């Protein structure tokens, strides 16, 4: 996705350092953090957005390889990035960690035991981090969206485009821009305000399993 990042930077007309890495690889994260430090670039806002869900199998029939990938990406990757970046924020006494969780971190749906567990972990880690940052001006916020129209379902169904597209046919889902606006909202509050939880639902989605079908314009 390096090309997408570079194209976005070009559209916005801003200078960037674009790094492509696998968040599951702690060594790669530490190396990237060192590159930024050598370039004297300070991170004011860390958005932990990398995440995925694989399959909808029951726990007793699930693929342990899928579980490992979800846990390594959704939980460990978030931890590695946070550990690499937050000490610098604490040293400067400013910064904000915004973790993208999910409504599935507040409720569980059939076939989602492991994915939901990873998102419950994101919520717990973010809350714990906010507590651990006591005495500093560094903030931590979780953003938990409901259904978002993205590549998420295509990844979940291992590239099955038809099955993935069907997920978004019943009602208008959130768009990536909606989540981005929520992140910006958290990051732009006055320094004395820490958003400690922000949940976004599509209007027609009521819980992780209940929605109101309607034609999508």
Protein backbone atom coordinates (compact mmCIF):
# COMPACT_ATOMS: atom_id res chain seq x y z
CA UNK A 1 0.00 0.00 0.00
CA UNK A 2 3.02 2.28 -0.22
CA UNK A 3 1.74 3.67 -3.53
CA UNK A 4 -1.58 4.67 -1.94
CA UNK A 5 0.20 6.53 0.83
CA UNK A 6 2.48 8.31 -1.60
CA UNK A 7 -0.45 9.27 -3.84
CA UNK A 8 -2.35 10.62 -0.84
CA UNK A 9 0.65 12.66 0.28
CA UNK A 10 0.94 14.07 -3.23
CA UNK A 11 -2.75 15.02 -3.27
CA UNK A 12 -2.43 16.77 0.09
CA UNK A 13 0.82 18.46 -0.89
CA UNK A 14 2.64 17.49 2.30
CA UNK A 15 6.08 16.08 2.93
CA UNK A 16 6.13 12.52 4.21
CA UNK A 17 8.37 9.62 5.06
CA UNK A 18 6.61 6.53 3.69
CA UNK A 19 7.50 3.23 5.33
CA UNK A 20 5.98 -0.10 4.30
CA UNK A 21 6.27 -2.88 6.86
CA UNK A 22 4.51 -5.82 8.45
CA UNK A 23 3.31 -4.84 11.93
CA UNK A 24 3.67 -8.47 12.99
CA UNK A 25 7.45 -8.11 12.72
CA UNK A 26 8.70 -6.36 15.84
CA UNK A 27 12.21 -5.93 14.44
CA UNK A 28 10.83 -4.12 11.38
CA UNK A 29 8.88 -1.74 13.63
CA UNK A 30 11.92 -0.99 15.77
CA UNK A 31 13.95 -0.36 12.62
CA UNK A 32 11.31 2.02 11.26
CA UNK A 33 11.21 3.89 14.57
CA UNK A 34 14.99 4.24 14.41
CA UNK A 35 14.76 5.67 10.87
CA UNK A 36 12.35 8.33 12.08
CA UNK A 37 14.52 9.11 15.10
CA UNK A 38 17.62 9.48 12.92
CA UNK A 39 15.65 11.88 10.72
CA UNK A 40 14.66 13.81 13.87
CA UNK A 41 10.99 13.31 13.17
CA UNK A 42 8.82 13.29 16.27
CA UNK A 43 5.53 11.41 16.25
CA UNK A 44 2.72 13.49 17.73
CA UNK A 45 -0.16 11.14 16.85
CA UNK A 46 0.03 7.37 16.46
CA UNK A 47 -3.01 5.75 14.82
CA UNK A 48 -2.93 1.98 15.19
CA UNK A 49 -5.18 1.03 12.29
CA UNK A 50 -3.74 -2.26 11.03
CA UNK A 51 -6.20 -5.08 11.61
CA UNK A 52 -8.05 -7.92 9.96
CA UNK A 53 -10.54 -10.71 10.45
CA UNK A 54 -10.23 -14.11 8.83
CA UNK A 55 -13.13 -16.51 8.36
CA UNK A 56 -16.40 -17.04 10.18
CA UNK A 57 -15.82 -20.57 11.40
CA UNK A 58 -16.90 -21.71 14.83
CA UNK A 59 -14.14 -21.94 17.38
CA UNK A 60 -14.13 -25.73 17.29
CA UNK A 61 -13.75 -25.71 13.49
CA UNK A 62 -11.52 -22.65 13.10
CA UNK A 63 -8.10 -22.53 11.48
CA UNK A 64 -5.36 -21.89 14.07
CA UNK A 65 -3.28 -20.20 11.36
CA UNK A 66 -6.06 -17.62 10.96
CA UNK A 67 -6.14 -17.10 14.72
CA UNK A 68 -2.41 -16.50 14.83
CA UNK A 69 -2.56 -13.94 12.03
CA UNK A 70 -5.40 -12.05 13.70
CA UNK A 71 -3.72 -12.03 17.11
CA UNK A 72 -0.31 -11.13 15.70
CA UNK A 73 -1.73 -8.25 13.63
CA UNK A 74 -4.56 -6.90 15.77
CA UNK A 75 -2.96 -7.24 19.19
CA UNK A 76 0.78 -7.80 18.99
CA UNK A 77 1.30 -5.36 16.12
CA UNK A 78 -0.52 -2.67 18.09
CA UNK A 79 1.61 -3.42 21.14
CA UNK A 80 4.89 -3.33 19.20
CA UNK A 81 4.07 0.03 17.61
CA UNK A 82 2.85 1.50 20.87
CA UNK A 83 5.97 0.35 22.72
CA UNK A 84 8.20 1.83 20.02
CA UNK A 85 6.49 5.23 19.90
CA UNK A 86 5.04 6.08 23.31
CA UNK A 87 8.34 6.48 25.23
CA UNK A 88 9.21 9.42 22.98
CA UNK A 89 5.80 10.95 23.62
CA UNK A 90 6.27 10.58 27.36
CA UNK A 91 9.72 12.14 27.15
CA UNK A 92 8.29 15.16 25.30
CA UNK A 93 5.17 15.14 27.51
CA UNK A 94 2.84 15.35 24.54
CA UNK A 95 1.28 12.99 22.05
CA UNK A 96 -1.81 10.94 21.33
CA UNK A 97 -2.32 7.25 20.63
CA UNK A 98 -5.56 6.49 18.77
CA UNK A 99 -6.36 2.80 18.43
CA UNK A 100 -8.92 1.59 15.90
CA UNK A 101 -10.97 -1.06 17.60
CA UNK A 102 -14.43 -2.25 16.66
CA UNK A 103 -17.96 -2.60 17.97
CA UNK A 104 -16.90 -6.25 18.02
CA UNK A 105 -14.73 -5.27 20.96
CA UNK A 106 -17.92 -4.65 22.93
CA UNK A 107 -20.05 -7.60 21.79
CA UNK A 108 -19.49 -11.03 20.23
CA UNK A 109 -21.11 -12.54 17.14
CA UNK A 110 -21.30 -16.17 15.96
CA UNK A 111 -18.10 -17.30 14.29
CA UNK A 112 -16.19 -14.28 15.57
CA UNK A 113 -14.76 -15.51 18.87
CA UNK A 114 -11.10 -14.86 18.11
CA UNK A 115 -11.56 -11.67 16.10
CA UNK A 116 -13.83 -10.25 18.80
CA UNK A 117 -11.29 -11.25 21.44
CA UNK A 118 -8.61 -9.25 19.63
CA UNK A 119 -10.85 -6.18 19.55
CA UNK A 120 -11.77 -6.59 23.22
CA UNK A 121 -8.00 -6.59 23.76
CA UNK A 122 -7.61 -3.35 21.80
CA UNK A 123 -10.16 -1.68 24.05
CA UNK A 124 -8.49 -3.02 27.21
CA UNK A 125 -4.99 -2.08 26.04
CA UNK A 126 -6.10 1.45 25.19
CA UNK A 127 -7.80 1.91 28.55
CA UNK A 128 -4.78 0.47 30.34
CA UNK A 129 -2.43 2.75 28.42
CA UNK A 130 -4.51 5.80 29.31
CA UNK A 131 -4.22 4.81 32.97
CA UNK A 132 -0.49 4.13 32.69
CA UNK A 133 0.03 7.61 31.22
CA UNK A 134 -1.05 9.19 34.51
CA UNK A 135 1.12 12.20 35.26
CA UNK A 136 1.80 12.95 31.59
CA UNK A 137 -0.04 14.96 28.97
CA UNK A 138 -0.05 12.02 26.54
CA UNK A 139 -3.53 10.82 25.60
CA UNK A 140 -4.96 7.48 24.47
CA UNK A 141 -8.29 7.02 22.68
CA UNK A 142 -10.14 4.00 21.25
CA UNK A 143 -12.33 4.44 18.17
CA UNK A 144 -14.78 1.58 17.59
CA UNK A 145 -16.61 1.57 14.24
CA UNK A 146 -19.40 -0.71 13.15
CA UNK A 147 -19.57 -2.01 9.59
CA UNK A 148 -17.28 -0.04 7.25
CA UNK A 149 -17.18 -0.52 3.49
CA UNK A 150 -13.55 -1.42 2.86
CA UNK A 151 -11.30 -4.34 1.95
CA UNK A 152 -12.09 -5.86 5.34
CA UNK A 153 -14.64 -8.41 4.11
CA UNK A 154 -12.58 -9.38 1.09
CA UNK A 155 -9.70 -10.20 3.43
CA UNK A 156 -12.04 -12.05 5.79
CA UNK A 157 -13.30 -14.26 2.97
CA UNK A 158 -9.83 -14.86 1.56
CA UNK A 159 -10.35 -12.85 -1.63
CA UNK A 160 -13.91 -13.99 -2.44
CA UNK A 161 -15.12 -10.68 -3.95
CA UNK A 162 -18.71 -11.78 -4.52
CA UNK A 163 -19.16 -12.92 -0.94
CA UNK A 164 -17.44 -9.79 0.35
CA UNK A 165 -19.54 -7.41 -1.74
CA UNK A 166 -22.74 -9.05 -0.50
CA UNK A 167 -21.92 -7.89 3.04
CA UNK A 168 -22.59 -4.27 2.08
CA UNK A 169 -25.82 -4.75 0.11
CA UNK A 170 -28.36 -4.69 2.95
CA UNK A 171 -27.88 -1.13 4.22
CA UNK A 172 -25.53 1.84 3.81
CA UNK A 173 -22.38 1.07 5.84
CA UNK A 174 -19.92 3.55 7.24
CA UNK A 175 -17.27 4.84 4.86
CA UNK A 176 -13.54 5.07 5.65
CA UNK A 177 -13.88 8.87 5.67
CA UNK A 178 -16.36 8.59 8.56
CA UNK A 179 -13.78 6.78 10.66
CA UNK A 180 -11.07 9.22 9.61
CA UNK A 181 -13.24 12.12 10.79
CA UNK A 182 -13.66 10.42 14.16
CA UNK A 183 -9.88 10.05 14.45
CA UNK A 184 -9.38 13.73 13.59
CA UNK A 185 -12.04 14.66 16.16
CA UNK A 186 -10.16 12.79 18.89
CA UNK A 187 -6.81 14.25 17.88
CA UNK A 188 -8.00 17.85 17.72
CA UNK A 189 -9.62 18.16 21.14
CA UNK A 190 -8.02 20.67 23.52
CA UNK A 191 -5.08 19.23 25.52
CA UNK A 192 -7.21 18.90 28.66
CA UNK A 193 -9.74 16.64 26.86
CA UNK A 194 -9.11 12.93 26.29
CA UNK A 195 -11.81 11.05 24.37
CA UNK A 196 -11.85 7.73 26.21
CA UNK A 197 -14.28 5.94 23.90
CA UNK A 198 -15.91 6.73 20.58
CA UNK A 199 -18.33 4.27 18.94
CA UNK A 200 -19.65 4.76 15.40
CA UNK A 201 -22.59 2.78 14.03
CA UNK A 202 -24.16 2.92 10.60
CA UNK A 203 -27.66 4.27 11.26
CA UNK A 204 -29.24 0.98 10.18
CA UNK A 205 -26.91 -1.26 12.21
CA UNK A 206 -28.14 -1.62 15.77
CA UNK A 207 -25.81 -4.31 17.17
CA UNK A 208 -23.13 -6.54 15.70
CA UNK A 209 -25.90 -8.94 14.64
CA UNK A 210 -29.01 -6.73 14.25
CA UNK A 211 -29.56 -4.35 11.36
CA UNK A 212 -32.46 -2.85 9.42
CA UNK A 213 -32.25 -3.81 5.73
CA UNK A 214 -32.92 -1.04 3.25
CA UNK A 215 -31.86 -0.35 -0.34
CA UNK A 216 -28.40 1.15 -0.71
CA UNK A 217 -28.45 4.27 -2.89
